[in-house]
Amino acid sequence: MNLKAHRPGFKIWSGAQADIDRIATIWRECFAAHHGPYLFGKLTMADAMYAPVVSRLQKYAPKVGQQSRDEH
């Protein structure tokens, strides 16, 4: 897991983009229901389990709603 890598312009295939969109939806729903700053209001294992996903989103910079990008 290379946290320093950055791959702007990486082509995200449609299947992956659908998964990214679903993750962003899950995050938005959790933040709306629990008012952050973490997915369920306080730090839980769910936040830790999404850490590699956040790392990949930062690395490959796919299209993600600005709210999701700001919150993670």
N, C-alpha and C. Protein backbone atom coordinates (compact mmCIF):
# COMPACT_ATOMS: atom_id res chain seq x y z
N MET A 1 0.86 -1.17 0.00
CA MET A 1 0.00 0.00 0.00
C MET A 1 0.90 1.22 0.00
N ASN A 2 1.00 1.88 -1.13
CA ASN A 2 1.85 3.04 -1.28
C ASN A 2 1.03 4.30 -1.06
N LEU A 3 1.17 4.91 0.10
CA LEU A 3 0.37 6.08 0.43
C LEU A 3 0.84 7.34 -0.28
N LYS A 4 2.05 7.33 -0.82
CA LYS A 4 2.57 8.51 -1.51
C LYS A 4 2.24 8.52 -3.01
N ALA A 5 1.81 7.41 -3.55
CA ALA A 5 1.54 7.32 -4.99
C ALA A 5 0.37 8.22 -5.36
N HIS A 6 0.44 8.75 -6.56
CA HIS A 6 -0.66 9.56 -7.09
C HIS A 6 -0.71 9.30 -8.58
N ARG A 7 -1.85 8.87 -9.08
CA ARG A 7 -2.01 8.50 -10.48
C ARG A 7 -3.16 9.26 -11.13
N PRO A 8 -3.03 10.60 -11.24
CA PRO A 8 -4.11 11.35 -11.88
C PRO A 8 -4.25 10.92 -13.35
N GLY A 9 -5.46 10.94 -13.83
CA GLY A 9 -5.70 10.56 -15.21
C GLY A 9 -5.81 9.06 -15.43
N PHE A 10 -5.73 8.27 -14.37
CA PHE A 10 -5.88 6.82 -14.48
C PHE A 10 -7.28 6.51 -14.98
N LYS A 11 -7.40 5.68 -16.00
CA LYS A 11 -8.71 5.36 -16.57
C LYS A 11 -9.46 4.39 -15.65
N ILE A 12 -10.58 4.85 -15.16
CA ILE A 12 -11.44 4.04 -14.29
C ILE A 12 -12.50 3.39 -15.17
N TRP A 13 -12.57 2.07 -15.19
CA TRP A 13 -13.57 1.41 -16.02
C TRP A 13 -14.95 1.52 -15.38
N SER A 14 -15.98 1.36 -16.19
CA SER A 14 -17.35 1.63 -15.75
C SER A 14 -17.78 0.77 -14.56
N GLY A 15 -17.37 -0.48 -14.52
CA GLY A 15 -17.73 -1.33 -13.39
C GLY A 15 -17.16 -0.81 -12.08
N ALA A 16 -15.94 -0.34 -12.13
CA ALA A 16 -15.31 0.21 -10.93
C ALA A 16 -15.99 1.52 -10.53
N GLN A 17 -16.35 2.34 -11.51
CA GLN A 17 -16.99 3.61 -11.20
C GLN A 17 -18.33 3.38 -10.51
N ALA A 18 -19.05 2.36 -10.91
CA ALA A 18 -20.32 2.02 -10.24
C ALA A 18 -20.08 1.66 -8.78
N ASP A 19 -19.02 0.92 -8.51
CA ASP A 19 -18.67 0.57 -7.12
C ASP A 19 -18.27 1.82 -6.33
N ILE A 20 -17.51 2.70 -6.94
CA ILE A 20 -17.10 3.95 -6.30
C ILE A 20 -18.32 4.79 -5.96
N ASP A 21 -19.25 4.88 -6.89
CA ASP A 21 -20.48 5.64 -6.65
C ASP A 21 -21.27 5.04 -5.49
N ARG A 22 -21.32 3.73 -5.41
CA ARG A 22 -22.07 3.07 -4.32
C ARG A 22 -21.41 3.34 -2.97
N ILE A 23 -20.09 3.29 -2.93
CA ILE A 23 -19.37 3.59 -1.69
C ILE A 23 -19.65 5.03 -1.26
N ALA A 24 -19.60 5.96 -2.21
CA ALA A 24 -19.87 7.37 -1.89
C ALA A 24 -21.29 7.53 -1.35
N THR A 25 -22.23 6.80 -1.91
CA THR A 25 -23.62 6.85 -1.42
C THR A 25 -23.71 6.32 0.00
N ILE A 26 -23.05 5.22 0.28
CA ILE A 26 -23.04 4.66 1.64
C ILE A 26 -22.48 5.68 2.62
N TRP A 27 -21.35 6.29 2.25
CA TRP A 27 -20.74 7.28 3.14
C TRP A 27 -21.67 8.47 3.38
N ARG A 28 -22.28 8.99 2.32
CA ARG A 28 -23.20 10.12 2.48
C ARG A 28 -24.36 9.76 3.40
N GLU A 29 -24.92 8.57 3.23
CA GLU A 29 -26.04 8.13 4.07
C GLU A 29 -25.61 8.01 5.54
N CYS A 30 -24.42 7.47 5.77
CA CYS A 30 -23.93 7.33 7.15
C CYS A 30 -23.70 8.70 7.79
N PHE A 31 -23.05 9.61 7.06
CA PHE A 31 -22.82 10.95 7.60
C PHE A 31 -24.13 11.68 7.86
N ALA A 32 -25.10 11.53 6.98
CA ALA A 32 -26.39 12.20 7.17
C ALA A 32 -27.13 11.65 8.39
N ALA A 33 -27.06 10.35 8.59
CA ALA A 33 -27.77 9.71 9.69
C ALA A 33 -27.09 9.94 11.04
N HIS A 34 -25.75 10.01 11.04
CA HIS A 34 -25.01 10.04 12.31
C HIS A 34 -24.24 11.33 12.54
N HIS A 35 -24.28 12.25 11.60
CA HIS A 35 -23.71 13.59 11.73
C HIS A 35 -22.21 13.64 11.98
N GLY A 36 -21.47 12.61 11.55
CA GLY A 36 -20.01 12.59 11.57
C GLY A 36 -19.41 12.90 12.93
N PRO A 37 -18.13 13.10 13.03
CA PRO A 37 -17.21 13.24 11.92
C PRO A 37 -16.79 11.91 11.29
N TYR A 38 -17.26 10.81 11.87
CA TYR A 38 -16.96 9.49 11.31
C TYR A 38 -18.25 8.87 10.77
N LEU A 39 -18.15 7.72 10.15
CA LEU A 39 -19.31 7.11 9.50
C LEU A 39 -20.49 6.92 10.44
N PHE A 40 -20.22 6.52 11.67
CA PHE A 40 -21.29 6.30 12.63
C PHE A 40 -21.22 7.27 13.80
N GLY A 41 -20.73 8.48 13.52
CA GLY A 41 -20.66 9.52 14.53
C GLY A 41 -19.36 9.52 15.31
N LYS A 42 -18.98 8.36 15.80
CA LYS A 42 -17.71 8.23 16.51
C LYS A 42 -16.85 7.20 15.76
N LEU A 43 -15.58 7.18 16.05
CA LEU A 43 -14.65 6.28 15.38
C LEU A 43 -15.01 4.82 15.67
N THR A 44 -15.19 4.05 14.60
CA THR A 44 -15.50 2.62 14.73
C THR A 44 -14.62 1.82 13.78
N MET A 45 -14.74 0.53 13.84
CA MET A 45 -13.98 -0.34 12.93
C MET A 45 -14.39 -0.11 11.48
N ALA A 46 -15.61 0.34 11.24
CA ALA A 46 -16.05 0.62 9.86
C ALA A 46 -15.14 1.67 9.23
N ASP A 47 -14.78 2.69 9.99
CA ASP A 47 -13.88 3.72 9.48
C ASP A 47 -12.51 3.13 9.16
N ALA A 48 -12.01 2.28 10.03
CA ALA A 48 -10.71 1.64 9.81
C ALA A 48 -10.75 0.73 8.59
N MET A 49 -11.84 0.03 8.41
CA MET A 49 -11.94 -0.89 7.28
C MET A 49 -12.00 -0.15 5.94
N TYR A 50 -12.47 1.09 5.94
CA TYR A 50 -12.51 1.87 4.71
C TYR A 50 -11.20 2.61 4.43
N ALA A 51 -10.24 2.59 5.34
CA ALA A 51 -8.97 3.31 5.14
C ALA A 51 -8.28 2.92 3.83
N PRO A 52 -8.18 1.64 3.46
CA PRO A 52 -7.56 1.32 2.17
C PRO A 52 -8.35 1.86 0.98
N VAL A 53 -9.66 1.92 1.11
CA VAL A 53 -10.50 2.46 0.04
C VAL A 53 -10.20 3.95 -0.12
N VAL A 54 -10.13 4.66 0.98
CA VAL A 54 -9.82 6.09 0.93
C VAL A 54 -8.45 6.30 0.29
N SER A 55 -7.49 5.45 0.65
CA SER A 55 -6.14 5.54 0.06
C SER A 55 -6.20 5.39 -1.46
N ARG A 56 -6.96 4.45 -1.93
CA ARG A 56 -7.07 4.23 -3.38
C ARG A 56 -7.80 5.38 -4.06
N LEU A 57 -8.81 5.93 -3.41
CA LEU A 57 -9.51 7.07 -3.99
C LEU A 57 -8.58 8.26 -4.11
N GLN A 58 -7.73 8.45 -3.13
CA GLN A 58 -6.76 9.54 -3.20
C GLN A 58 -5.72 9.27 -4.28
N LYS A 59 -5.31 8.03 -4.40
CA LYS A 59 -4.26 7.67 -5.36
C LYS A 59 -4.73 7.82 -6.80
N TYR A 60 -5.89 7.26 -7.12
CA TYR A 60 -6.35 7.22 -8.51
C TYR A 60 -7.27 8.36 -8.88
N ALA A 61 -7.74 9.11 -7.91
CA ALA A 61 -8.56 10.31 -8.11
C ALA A 61 -9.72 10.10 -9.08
N PRO A 62 -10.57 9.08 -8.83
CA PRO A 62 -11.75 8.90 -9.69
C PRO A 62 -12.77 10.00 -9.40
N LYS A 63 -13.81 10.04 -10.21
CA LYS A 63 -14.89 11.00 -9.97
C LYS A 63 -15.65 10.57 -8.73
N VAL A 64 -15.60 11.41 -7.72
CA VAL A 64 -16.32 11.19 -6.46
C VAL A 64 -16.94 12.53 -6.11
N GLY A 65 -18.12 12.50 -5.56
CA GLY A 65 -18.75 13.76 -5.16
C GLY A 65 -17.84 14.55 -4.23
N GLN A 66 -17.84 15.86 -4.34
CA GLN A 66 -16.95 16.71 -3.55
C GLN A 66 -17.17 16.50 -2.05
N GLN A 67 -18.41 16.30 -1.63
CA GLN A 67 -18.69 16.07 -0.22
C GLN A 67 -17.95 14.83 0.28
N SER A 68 -17.99 13.75 -0.47
CA SER A 68 -17.29 12.53 -0.07
C SER A 68 -15.79 12.76 -0.02
N ARG A 69 -15.26 13.47 -1.01
CA ARG A 69 -13.82 13.73 -1.04
C ARG A 69 -13.41 14.58 0.16
N ASP A 70 -14.19 15.61 0.50
CA ASP A 70 -13.86 16.47 1.63
C ASP A 70 -13.92 15.74 2.96
N GLU A 71 -14.89 14.83 3.08
CA GLU A 71 -15.08 14.15 4.35
C GLU A 71 -14.05 13.06 4.57
N HIS A 72 -13.39 12.62 3.52
CA HIS A 72 -12.44 11.53 3.68
C HIS A 72 -11.10 11.97 3.19
